[in-house]
Amino acid sequence: MNLRDQEKTFIKQLTEKQAIVHKVCHIYCRDVEQRKDLFQEIVIQLWKSYSSFRGEAKFSTWMYRVSLNVVFQYLRKTGRRPEEVELSAPLLEWPDTLKDEGYEEELGRLYNAIERLNDVEKAIVLLYLEEKSNAEIAEIIGITQNYVRVKMNRIKLKLKKILKPKGHGTH
């Protein structure tokens, strides 16, 4: 495949699956400008490494792997660590079509809780919410399927603890 055809194929696939990059950026960056920078970094790295994509995994699996690697490098480079989050702070820009305020509030609480997880835990939750199988998550993250199950159980417990209303301790 010549470079022009390769570029056309890449652009077509990226256009179809760009939501993956947007979701990864939203999970790891609050600031709009940082998200834009991170999005560009990811797209650049996807293009640079596209020639190494052999089709052994699905394109979306490969995109997640590259995107998360770029994010982890970005976070190490900038020294940014997750900060404590106010529960009222929105993580995502909600679509206008979402009318159920109770649902929106619960979803906001969930994403605020996810933001408090470490980087690998966020990646696992993101992929879980994308309905990826344990095998796909293991392949993307680079861990065993068994460890995905263990991590997911720990993450669920951690999220329950974070989401538990204050003052509702066990008696």
Protein backbone atom coordinates (compact mmCIF):
# COMPACT_ATOMS: atom_id res chain seq x y z
CA MET A 1 0.00 0.00 0.00
CA ASN A 2 1.50 3.36 -0.99
CA LEU A 3 1.65 6.28 1.45
CA ARG A 4 -1.34 8.09 -0.07
CA ASP A 5 -3.57 4.99 0.20
CA GLN A 6 -2.27 4.31 3.68
CA GLU A 7 -3.11 7.89 4.69
CA LYS A 8 -6.64 7.63 3.22
CA THR A 9 -7.26 4.35 5.05
CA PHE A 10 -5.92 5.80 8.31
CA ILE A 11 -8.09 8.93 8.05
CA LYS A 12 -11.18 6.83 7.29
CA GLN A 13 -10.57 4.51 10.26
CA LEU A 14 -9.69 7.40 12.59
CA THR A 15 -12.82 9.29 11.56
CA GLU A 16 -14.99 6.24 12.26
CA LYS A 17 -13.36 5.57 15.65
CA GLN A 18 -12.38 9.07 16.83
CA ALA A 19 -14.83 8.83 19.75
CA ILE A 20 -12.30 6.49 21.38
CA VAL A 21 -9.68 9.24 21.49
CA HIS A 22 -12.22 11.80 22.74
CA LYS A 23 -13.33 9.48 25.57
CA VAL A 24 -9.75 8.78 26.63
CA CYS A 25 -8.99 12.51 26.66
CA HIS A 26 -12.15 13.29 28.68
CA ILE A 27 -11.33 10.68 31.31
CA TYR A 28 -7.80 12.01 31.89
CA CYS A 29 -8.06 15.78 31.26
CA ARG A 30 -10.52 18.32 32.56
CA ASP A 31 -9.04 21.40 30.97
CA VAL A 32 -10.35 21.94 27.43
CA GLU A 33 -7.01 23.19 26.11
CA GLN A 34 -5.14 20.24 27.65
CA ARG A 35 -7.69 17.88 26.10
CA LYS A 36 -7.11 19.43 22.68
CA ASP A 37 -3.33 19.11 23.10
CA LEU A 38 -3.65 15.53 24.27
CA PHE A 39 -6.01 14.71 21.39
CA GLN A 40 -3.44 16.06 18.92
CA GLU A 41 -0.63 14.12 20.62
CA ILE A 42 -2.63 10.92 20.37
CA VAL A 43 -3.53 11.44 16.69
CA ILE A 44 0.11 12.21 15.86
CA GLN A 45 1.27 9.06 17.65
CA LEU A 46 -1.47 6.99 15.99
CA TRP A 47 -0.26 8.17 12.59
CA LYS A 48 3.42 7.63 13.45
CA SER A 49 2.75 4.08 14.57
CA TYR A 50 0.11 3.26 11.94
CA SER A 51 2.66 1.51 9.75
CA SER A 52 3.24 -0.95 12.61
CA PHE A 53 -0.50 -1.79 12.82
CA ARG A 54 -0.68 -5.25 11.28
CA GLY A 55 -4.34 -5.98 11.80
CA GLU A 56 -3.63 -8.75 14.32
CA ALA A 57 -5.91 -6.94 16.75
CA LYS A 58 -8.99 -4.89 15.93
CA PHE A 59 -8.25 -1.30 14.90
CA SER A 60 -10.19 -0.02 17.93
CA THR A 61 -8.14 -2.22 20.29
CA TRP A 62 -4.93 -0.87 18.78
CA MET A 63 -6.27 2.70 19.06
CA TYR A 64 -7.05 2.26 22.76
CA ARG A 65 -3.59 0.80 23.38
CA VAL A 66 -1.78 3.66 21.62
CA SER A 67 -4.07 6.32 23.12
CA LEU A 68 -3.59 5.07 26.67
CA ASN A 69 0.18 4.80 26.20
CA VAL A 70 0.29 8.41 25.02
CA VAL A 71 -1.83 9.49 28.00
CA PHE A 72 0.41 7.67 30.47
CA GLN A 73 3.52 9.25 28.91
CA TYR A 74 1.82 12.65 28.96
CA LEU A 75 0.91 12.31 32.63
CA ARG A 76 4.47 11.23 33.53
CA LYS A 77 5.96 14.06 31.48
CA THR A 78 3.72 16.76 32.96
CA GLY A 79 3.90 15.27 36.44
CA ARG A 80 0.14 15.63 36.70
CA ARG A 81 -1.45 13.46 39.31
CA PRO A 82 -5.16 13.09 39.95
CA GLU A 83 -6.46 15.86 42.15
CA GLU A 84 -9.23 15.76 44.69
CA VAL A 85 -12.46 16.67 42.95
CA GLU A 86 -15.49 18.53 44.18
CA LEU A 87 -18.53 16.36 43.59
CA SER A 88 -20.41 19.25 41.99
CA ALA A 89 -17.74 19.80 39.30
CA PRO A 90 -18.83 18.42 35.91
CA LEU A 91 -16.46 16.06 34.14
CA LEU A 92 -18.19 15.92 30.79
CA GLU A 93 -20.10 18.37 28.65
CA TRP A 94 -23.56 16.84 28.69
CA PRO A 95 -25.59 16.60 25.48
CA ASP A 96 -28.68 18.80 25.28
CA THR A 97 -30.86 15.74 24.69
CA LEU A 98 -30.29 14.45 28.23
CA LYS A 99 -33.37 15.55 30.19
CA ASP A 100 -33.49 13.22 33.18
CA GLU A 101 -31.79 15.31 35.89
CA GLY A 102 -31.57 12.39 38.31
CA TYR A 103 -29.77 10.33 35.70
CA GLU A 104 -27.46 13.23 34.81
CA GLU A 105 -26.62 13.80 38.47
CA GLU A 106 -25.86 10.10 39.05
CA LEU A 107 -23.76 9.92 35.90
CA GLY A 108 -21.87 13.03 37.01
CA ARG A 109 -21.20 11.45 40.42
CA LEU A 110 -19.96 8.29 38.72
CA TYR A 111 -17.55 10.20 36.46
CA ASN A 112 -16.31 12.27 39.40
CA ALA A 113 -15.66 9.03 41.27
CA ILE A 114 -13.86 7.55 38.24
CA GLU A 115 -11.67 10.64 38.12
CA ARG A 116 -10.38 9.77 41.59
CA LEU A 117 -9.08 6.38 40.42
CA ASN A 118 -5.46 5.89 39.38
CA ASP A 119 -4.55 5.98 35.69
CA VAL A 120 -4.67 2.22 35.06
CA GLU A 121 -7.96 1.86 36.96
CA LYS A 122 -9.46 4.65 34.83
CA ALA A 123 -8.36 2.86 31.68
CA ILE A 124 -9.95 -0.41 32.83
CA VAL A 125 -13.22 1.33 33.74
CA LEU A 126 -13.28 3.20 30.42
CA LEU A 127 -12.89 -0.05 28.51
CA TYR A 128 -15.44 -1.81 30.77
CA LEU A 129 -17.96 0.98 30.09
CA GLU A 130 -17.24 0.55 26.38
CA GLU A 131 -18.38 -3.07 26.90
CA LYS A 132 -14.99 -4.53 26.04
CA SER A 133 -14.49 -8.14 27.07
CA ASN A 134 -11.91 -9.07 29.70
CA ALA A 135 -9.80 -10.50 26.87
CA GLU A 136 -9.90 -7.20 24.98
CA ILE A 137 -9.14 -5.19 28.13
CA ALA A 138 -6.22 -7.50 28.92
CA GLU A 139 -4.86 -7.11 25.39
CA ILE A 140 -5.18 -3.30 25.42
CA ILE A 141 -3.74 -2.77 28.92
CA GLY A 142 -1.14 -5.53 28.66
CA ILE A 143 -2.19 -7.65 31.65
CA THR A 144 -3.74 -11.08 32.02
CA GLN A 145 -7.50 -11.67 31.84
CA ASN A 146 -7.43 -12.98 35.39
CA TYR A 147 -5.75 -9.78 36.58
CA VAL A 148 -8.42 -7.75 34.73
CA ARG A 149 -11.09 -9.58 36.77
CA VAL A 150 -9.20 -8.99 40.03
CA LYS A 151 -8.63 -5.30 39.21
CA MET A 152 -12.26 -4.81 38.16
CA ASN A 153 -13.53 -6.28 41.43
CA ARG A 154 -11.20 -3.98 43.40
CA ILE A 155 -12.26 -0.99 41.30
CA LYS A 156 -15.95 -1.72 41.88
CA LEU A 157 -15.34 -1.84 45.65
CA LYS A 158 -13.34 1.38 45.47
CA LEU A 159 -16.09 3.13 43.48
CA LYS A 160 -18.76 1.94 45.90
CA LYS A 161 -16.73 3.38 48.77
CA ILE A 162 -16.25 6.71 46.95
CA LEU A 163 -19.94 6.91 45.96
CA LYS A 164 -21.26 5.89 49.37
CA PRO A 165 -23.12 8.87 50.84
CA LYS A 166 -21.33 10.43 53.81
CA GLY A 167 -22.86 9.55 57.16
CA HIS A 168 -24.08 6.12 55.99
CA GLY A 169 -21.44 3.99 57.67
CA THR A 170 -22.01 0.40 58.63
CA HIS A 171 -23.38 -0.14 62.11
